[in-house]
C-alpha atoms as a PDB file:
ATOM      1  CA  MET A   1      97.939  76.570 147.703  1.00  0.00           C
ATOM      2  CA  LYS A   2     100.321  78.448 145.443  1.00  0.00           C
ATOM      3  CA  ARG A   3     102.755  75.526 145.455  1.00  0.00           C
ATOM      4  CA  LEU A   4     100.028  73.075 144.519  1.00  0.00           C
ATOM      5  CA  PHE A   5      98.953  75.313 141.616  1.00  0.00           C
ATOM      6  CA  VAL A   6     102.546  75.666 140.340  1.00  0.00           C
ATOM      7  CA  ALA A   7     103.162  71.918 140.741  1.00  0.00           C
ATOM      8  CA  SER A   8      99.975  71.155 138.811  1.00  0.00           C
ATOM      9  CA  ILE A   9     100.954  73.489 135.967  1.00  0.00           C
ATOM     10  CA  LEU A  10     104.465  72.031 135.769  1.00  0.00           C
ATOM     11  CA  SER A  11     103.066  68.471 135.795  1.00  0.00           C
ATOM     12  CA  PHE A  12     100.691  69.339 132.951  1.00  0.00           C
ATOM     13  CA  VAL A  13     103.515  70.861 130.882  1.00  0.00           C
ATOM     14  CA  PHE A  14     105.748  67.853 131.568  1.00  0.00           C
ATOM     15  CA  LEU A  15     103.058  65.312 130.592  1.00  0.00           C
ATOM     16  CA  PHE A  16     102.120  67.325 127.484  1.00  0.00           C
ATOM     17  CA  THR A  17     105.771  67.439 126.374  1.00  0.00           C
ATOM     18  CA  ILE A  18     106.249  63.684 126.966  1.00  0.00           C
ATOM     19  CA  GLY A  19     103.054  63.026 124.989  1.00  0.00           C
ATOM     20  CA  ILE A  20     104.319  65.028 121.997  1.00  0.00           C
ATOM     21  CA  VAL A  21     107.681  63.212 122.004  1.00  0.00           C
ATOM     22  CA  ALA A  22     106.007  59.800 122.301  1.00  0.00           C
ATOM     23  CA  TYR A  23     103.584  60.618 119.465  1.00  0.00           C
ATOM     24  CA  ALA A  24     106.374  61.869 117.174  1.00  0.00           C
ATOM     25  CA  GLU A  25     108.582  58.780 117.585  1.00  0.00           C
ATOM     26  CA  MET A  26     108.294  56.269 114.772  1.00  0.00           C
ATOM     27  CA  ALA A  27     107.521  52.617 115.494  1.00  0.00           C
ATOM     28  CA  LYS A  28     110.643  50.457 115.254  1.00  0.00           C
ATOM     29  CA  GLU A  29     108.914  48.073 112.870  1.00  0.00           C
ATOM     30  CA  GLY A  30     105.700  47.790 110.953  1.00  0.00           C
ATOM     31  CA  SER A  31     104.019  47.612 107.598  1.00  0.00           C
ATOM     32  CA  LEU A  32     103.348  50.223 104.956  1.00  0.00           C
ATOM     33  CA  SER A  33     101.096  50.515 101.940  1.00  0.00           C
ATOM     34  CA  GLY A  34     100.065  53.319  99.676  1.00  0.00           C
ATOM     35  CA  THR A  35     100.403  55.050  96.347  1.00  0.00           C
ATOM     36  CA  ASN A  36     103.315  56.826  94.697  1.00  0.00           C
ATOM     37  CA  THR A  37     102.379  59.176  91.845  1.00  0.00           C
ATOM     38  CA  TYR A  38     105.138  60.673  89.721  1.00  0.00           C
ATOM     39  CA  ALA A  39     106.240  62.253  86.461  1.00  0.00           C
ATOM     40  CA  GLY A  40     109.611  62.554  84.832  1.00  0.00           C
ATOM     41  CA  THR A  41     111.797  62.426  81.785  1.00  0.00           C
ATOM     42  CA  HIS A  42     113.726  59.683  80.040  1.00  0.00           C
ATOM     43  CA  LYS A  43     116.137  59.153  77.222  1.00  0.00           C
ATOM     44  CA  MET A  44     116.333  56.092  75.023  1.00  0.00           C
ATOM     45  CA  ILE A  45     119.749  54.961  73.803  1.00  0.00           C
ATOM     46  CA  PRO A  46     119.432  52.369  71.013  1.00  0.00           C
ATOM     47  CA  LEU A  47     121.912  49.549  70.609  1.00  0.00           C
ATOM     48  CA  ASP A  48     120.157  48.093  67.561  1.00  0.00           C
ATOM     49  CA  LYS A  49     116.541  47.524  66.421  1.00  0.00           C
ATOM     50  CA  GLU A  50     115.704  45.127  69.261  1.00  0.00           C
ATOM     51  CA  HIS A  51     117.936  46.362  72.102  1.00  0.00           C
ATOM     52  CA  PHE A  52     118.079  49.707  73.891  1.00  0.00           C
ATOM     53  CA  ILE A  53     118.753  51.360  77.198  1.00  0.00           C
ATOM     54  CA  LEU A  54     116.323  53.781  78.828  1.00  0.00           C
ATOM     55  CA  VAL A  55     117.735  56.202  81.412  1.00  0.00           C
ATOM     56  CA  TYR A  56     115.080  57.919  83.531  1.00  0.00           C
ATOM     57  CA  GLU A  57     114.506  60.430  86.312  1.00  0.00           C
ATOM     58  CA  ASN A  58     111.214  61.248  87.976  1.00  0.00           C
ATOM     59  CA  MET A  59     109.818  63.076  90.977  1.00  0.00           C
ATOM     60  CA  GLY A  60     106.560  62.564  92.775  1.00  0.00           C
ATOM     61  CA  VAL A  61     104.600  62.220  95.991  1.00  0.00           C
ATOM     62  CA  ARG A  62     103.821  59.281  98.243  1.00  0.00           C
ATOM     63  CA  ALA A  63     100.594  58.863 100.184  1.00  0.00           C
ATOM     64  CA  SER A  64      99.908  56.049 102.634  1.00  0.00           C
ATOM     65  CA  ASP A  65      96.628  54.162 102.487  1.00  0.00           C
ATOM     66  CA  THR A  66      95.811  55.329 106.027  1.00  0.00           C
ATOM     67  CA  GLY A  67      96.467  59.008 105.248  1.00  0.00           C
ATOM     68  CA  GLU A  68      98.945  59.274 108.138  1.00  0.00           C
ATOM     69  CA  GLY A  69     102.166  57.895 109.547  1.00  0.00           C
ATOM     70  CA  PRO A  70     105.861  58.358 108.758  1.00  0.00           C
ATOM     71  CA  PHE A  71     105.478  57.224 105.126  1.00  0.00           C
ATOM     72  CA  HIS A  72     102.614  59.606 104.280  1.00  0.00           C
ATOM     73  CA  GLY A  73     103.068  62.871 102.384  1.00  0.00           C
ATOM     74  CA  MET A  74     106.624  62.209 101.273  1.00  0.00           C
ATOM     75  CA  SER A  75     108.394  63.678  98.256  1.00  0.00           C
ATOM     76  CA  THR A  76     110.141  61.155  96.016  1.00  0.00           C
ATOM     77  CA  HIS A  77     113.055  61.355  93.596  1.00  0.00           C
ATOM     78  CA  ASN A  78     113.827  58.291  91.486  1.00  0.00           C
ATOM     79  CA  GLN A  79     116.654  57.665  89.026  1.00  0.00           C
ATOM     80  CA  GLY A  80     117.463  54.501  87.174  1.00  0.00           C
ATOM     81  CA  ILE A  81     118.206  52.585  84.054  1.00  0.00           C
ATOM     82  CA  MET A  82     116.308  49.954  82.105  1.00  0.00           C
ATOM     83  CA  TYR A  83     117.701  47.562  79.532  1.00  0.00           C
ATOM     84  CA  PHE A  84     115.219  46.349  76.909  1.00  0.00           C
ATOM     85  CA  GLU A  85     115.616  43.311  74.700  1.00  0.00           C
ATOM     86  CA  LYS A  86     112.825  42.604  72.187  1.00  0.00           C
ATOM     87  CA  GLY A  87     110.399  44.808  74.130  1.00  0.00           C
ATOM     88  CA  VAL A  88     111.038  43.267  77.556  1.00  0.00           C
ATOM     89  CA  GLY A  89     113.069  45.186  80.120  1.00  0.00           C
ATOM     90  CA  ARG A  90     114.984  44.935  83.372  1.00  0.00           C
ATOM     91  CA  LEU A  91     115.037  47.916  85.716  1.00  0.00           C
ATOM     92  CA  ARG A  92     117.525  48.967  88.377  1.00  0.00           C
ATOM     93  CA  GLY A  93     116.673  52.189  90.142  1.00  0.00           C
ATOM     94  CA  TYR A  94     117.159  54.179  93.320  1.00  0.00           C
ATOM     95  CA  LEU A  95     114.306  56.033  94.998  1.00  0.00           C
ATOM     96  CA  ILE A  96     114.929  58.668  97.668  1.00  0.00           C
ATOM     97  CA  SER A  97     111.906  59.475  99.828  1.00  0.00           C
ATOM     98  CA  VAL A  98     111.901  62.675 101.940  1.00  0.00           C
ATOM     99  CA  ASP A  99     109.427  63.463 104.731  1.00  0.00           C
ATOM    100  CA  LYS A 100     108.230  66.853 106.020  1.00  0.00           C
ATOM    101  CA  ASP A 101     111.148  67.014 108.493  1.00  0.00           C
ATOM    102  CA  GLY A 102     113.768  66.397 105.798  1.00  0.00           C
ATOM    103  CA  ASP A 103     114.470  62.826 106.961  1.00  0.00           C
ATOM    104  CA  LYS A 104     115.195  60.482 104.041  1.00  0.00           C
ATOM    105  CA  PHE A 105     115.449  56.838 103.148  1.00  0.00           C
ATOM    106  CA  LEU A 106     116.742  55.070 100.052  1.00  0.00           C
ATOM    107  CA  THR A 107     115.002  52.219  98.245  1.00  0.00           C
ATOM    108  CA  GLU A 108     116.756  50.070  95.645  1.00  0.00           C
ATOM    109  CA  LEU A 109     114.210  49.081  92.956  1.00  0.00           C
ATOM    110  CA  THR A 110     114.263  45.998  90.734  1.00  0.00           C
ATOM    111  CA  GLU A 111     111.948  44.942  87.942  1.00  0.00           C
ATOM    112  CA  GLU A 112     112.166  41.962  85.643  1.00  0.00           C
ATOM    113  CA  ASN A 113     110.029  41.607  82.516  1.00  0.00           C
ATOM    114  CA  SER A 114     109.056  45.289  82.406  1.00  0.00           C
ATOM    115  CA  GLN A 115     106.861  46.431  79.555  1.00  0.00           C
ATOM    116  CA  LEU A 116     106.824  49.713  77.682  1.00  0.00           C
ATOM    117  CA  GLY A 117     103.546  51.567  77.460  1.00  0.00           C
ATOM    118  CA  GLY A 118     100.408  51.155  79.534  1.00  0.00           C
ATOM    119  CA  SER A 119     100.744  47.576  80.788  1.00  0.00           C
ATOM    120  CA  PRO A 120     101.000  47.188  84.572  1.00  0.00           C
ATOM    121  CA  THR A 121     104.460  46.135  85.695  1.00  0.00           C
ATOM    122  CA  SER A 122     105.417  44.635  89.052  1.00  0.00           C
ATOM    123  CA  GLY A 123     108.651  45.085  90.951  1.00  0.00           C
ATOM    124  CA  THR A 124     110.309  44.936  94.324  1.00  0.00           C
ATOM    125  CA  GLY A 125     112.239  47.356  96.455  1.00  0.00           C
ATOM    126  CA  LYS A 126     114.714  46.979  99.289  1.00  0.00           C
ATOM    127  CA  PHE A 127     115.325  49.706 101.892  1.00  0.00           C
ATOM    128  CA  VAL A 128     119.066  50.254 102.056  1.00  0.00           C
ATOM    129  CA  GLY A 129     119.548  53.209 104.392  1.00  0.00           C
ATOM    130  CA  GLY A 130     118.205  56.406 105.816  1.00  0.00           C
ATOM    131  CA  THR A 131     118.703  59.534 107.898  1.00  0.00           C
ATOM    132  CA  GLY A 132     116.970  60.926 110.981  1.00  0.00           C
ATOM    133  CA  LYS A 133     114.027  58.771 112.046  1.00  0.00           C
ATOM    134  CA  PHE A 134     114.793  56.430 109.107  1.00  0.00           C
ATOM    135  CA  LYS A 135     118.406  55.778 110.146  1.00  0.00           C
ATOM    136  CA  GLY A 136     118.970  52.003 110.219  1.00  0.00           C
ATOM    137  CA  ILE A 137     115.867  51.226 108.155  1.00  0.00           C
ATOM    138  CA  GLN A 138     115.621  47.778 106.601  1.00  0.00           C
ATOM    139  CA  GLY A 139     112.751  46.170 104.783  1.00  0.00           C
ATOM    140  CA  GLU A 140     111.170  45.604 101.447  1.00  0.00           C
ATOM    141  CA  ILE A 141     108.211  46.506  99.290  1.00  0.00           C
ATOM    142  CA  GLU A 142     106.346  45.021  96.361  1.00  0.00           C
ATOM    143  CA  TYR A 143     104.719  47.349  93.878  1.00  0.00           C
ATOM    144  CA  THR A 144     102.660  47.461  90.726  1.00  0.00           C
ATOM    145  CA  ARG A 145     103.258  50.383  88.384  1.00  0.00           C
ATOM    146  CA  GLN A 146     100.706  51.579  85.858  1.00  0.00           C
ATOM    147  CA  ASN A 147     102.249  53.771  83.155  1.00  0.00           C
ATOM    148  CA  LEU A 148     100.006  56.580  81.930  1.00  0.00           C
ATOM    149  CA  TYR A 149      99.890  58.091  78.478  1.00  0.00           C
ATOM    150  CA  PRO A 150     102.718  60.692  78.283  1.00  0.00           C
ATOM    151  CA  VAL A 151     101.867  64.383  77.998  1.00  0.00           C
ATOM    152  CA  ALA A 152     104.905  65.067  75.805  1.00  0.00           C
ATOM    153  CA  GLU A 153     107.628  63.154  74.013  1.00  0.00           C
ATOM    154  CA  GLY A 154     110.468  62.170  76.327  1.00  0.00           C
ATOM    155  CA  THR A 155     108.252  62.323  79.437  1.00  0.00           C
ATOM    156  CA  HIS A 156     106.445  59.718  81.482  1.00  0.00           C
ATOM    157  CA  GLN A 157     103.821  59.653  84.202  1.00  0.00           C
ATOM    158  CA  ALA A 158     102.800  56.724  86.376  1.00  0.00           C
ATOM    159  CA  VAL A 159     100.917  55.591  89.453  1.00  0.00           C
ATOM    160  CA  SER A 160     102.443  52.899  91.622  1.00  0.00           C
ATOM    161  CA  LYS A 161     100.663  50.974  94.406  1.00  0.00           C
ATOM    162  CA  PHE A 162     102.985  49.479  97.032  1.00  0.00           C
ATOM    163  CA  LYS A 163     102.953  47.404 100.202  1.00  0.00           C
ATOM    164  CA  GLY A 164     105.712  46.120 102.415  1.00  0.00           C
ATOM    165  CA  ASN A 165     107.322  46.096 105.820  1.00  0.00           C
ATOM    166  CA  TYR A 166     110.167  47.835 107.601  1.00  0.00           C
ATOM    167  CA  LYS A 167     112.329  47.575 110.692  1.00  0.00           C
ATOM    168  CA  ILE A 168     114.621  50.182 112.242  1.00  0.00           C
ATOM    169  CA  VAL A 169     117.791  48.547 113.558  1.00  0.00           C
ATOM    170  CA  GLU A 170     120.497  50.121 115.661  1.00  0.00           C
ATOM    171  CA  THR A 171     123.499  51.085 113.576  1.00  0.00           C
ATOM    172  CA  LYS A 172     127.064  50.786 114.806  1.00  0.00           C
ATOM    173  CA  GLU A 173     129.190  53.867 114.263  1.00  0.00           C
END
C-alpha cells in the first residue's frame, strides 16, 4: 500500500510539472493584436523651413487584446528617426519589447506619409530577432498610431493599435 501511495504522489508531481512546462511554452506560430501606449522625448533638427529631421526615443507598455499570452504585459523601448519634407514624414525605428522573464524581441518599424500632430498614422513592423522564447522570431505587424497632445515641449505621447502574425523558426548556430 505504501508503494502505491508513493507512486501516486510521484505521478501527480510528474504530471503537474509537465503541465507547467507545456503551459509555459510559446506556440511556434500565431497571431497577435493589442495596444502599445508610450511616452517619450524628441528633438527636431531643421534643415530649412520645409525640411527637418526628428530624432525620438520613447518607452511604454504593450497589452494584448486577449489580456494574456506571450505578447501581453511587455515593456517597450523605441528609438528612431523621421525625415519631414513639407509636413510629410518617413519613419525608421527600432522597437525592443521585453516580457516579464526578460526575453526580448526586436521590431523594425517603417512609416510613409507620417503626419505631425494628432492625425492617425499607419505603419508596418517586421520582427528581426529575439532572445529566449522569442529566439528565431519572424513576422510582421500593421499598426495605427494616434498622437496625443504633448504634456510638455519636446515630449510626445501616443497610443498605437497593432495586429500581425509571428513564427518561431529554428536558428542555426
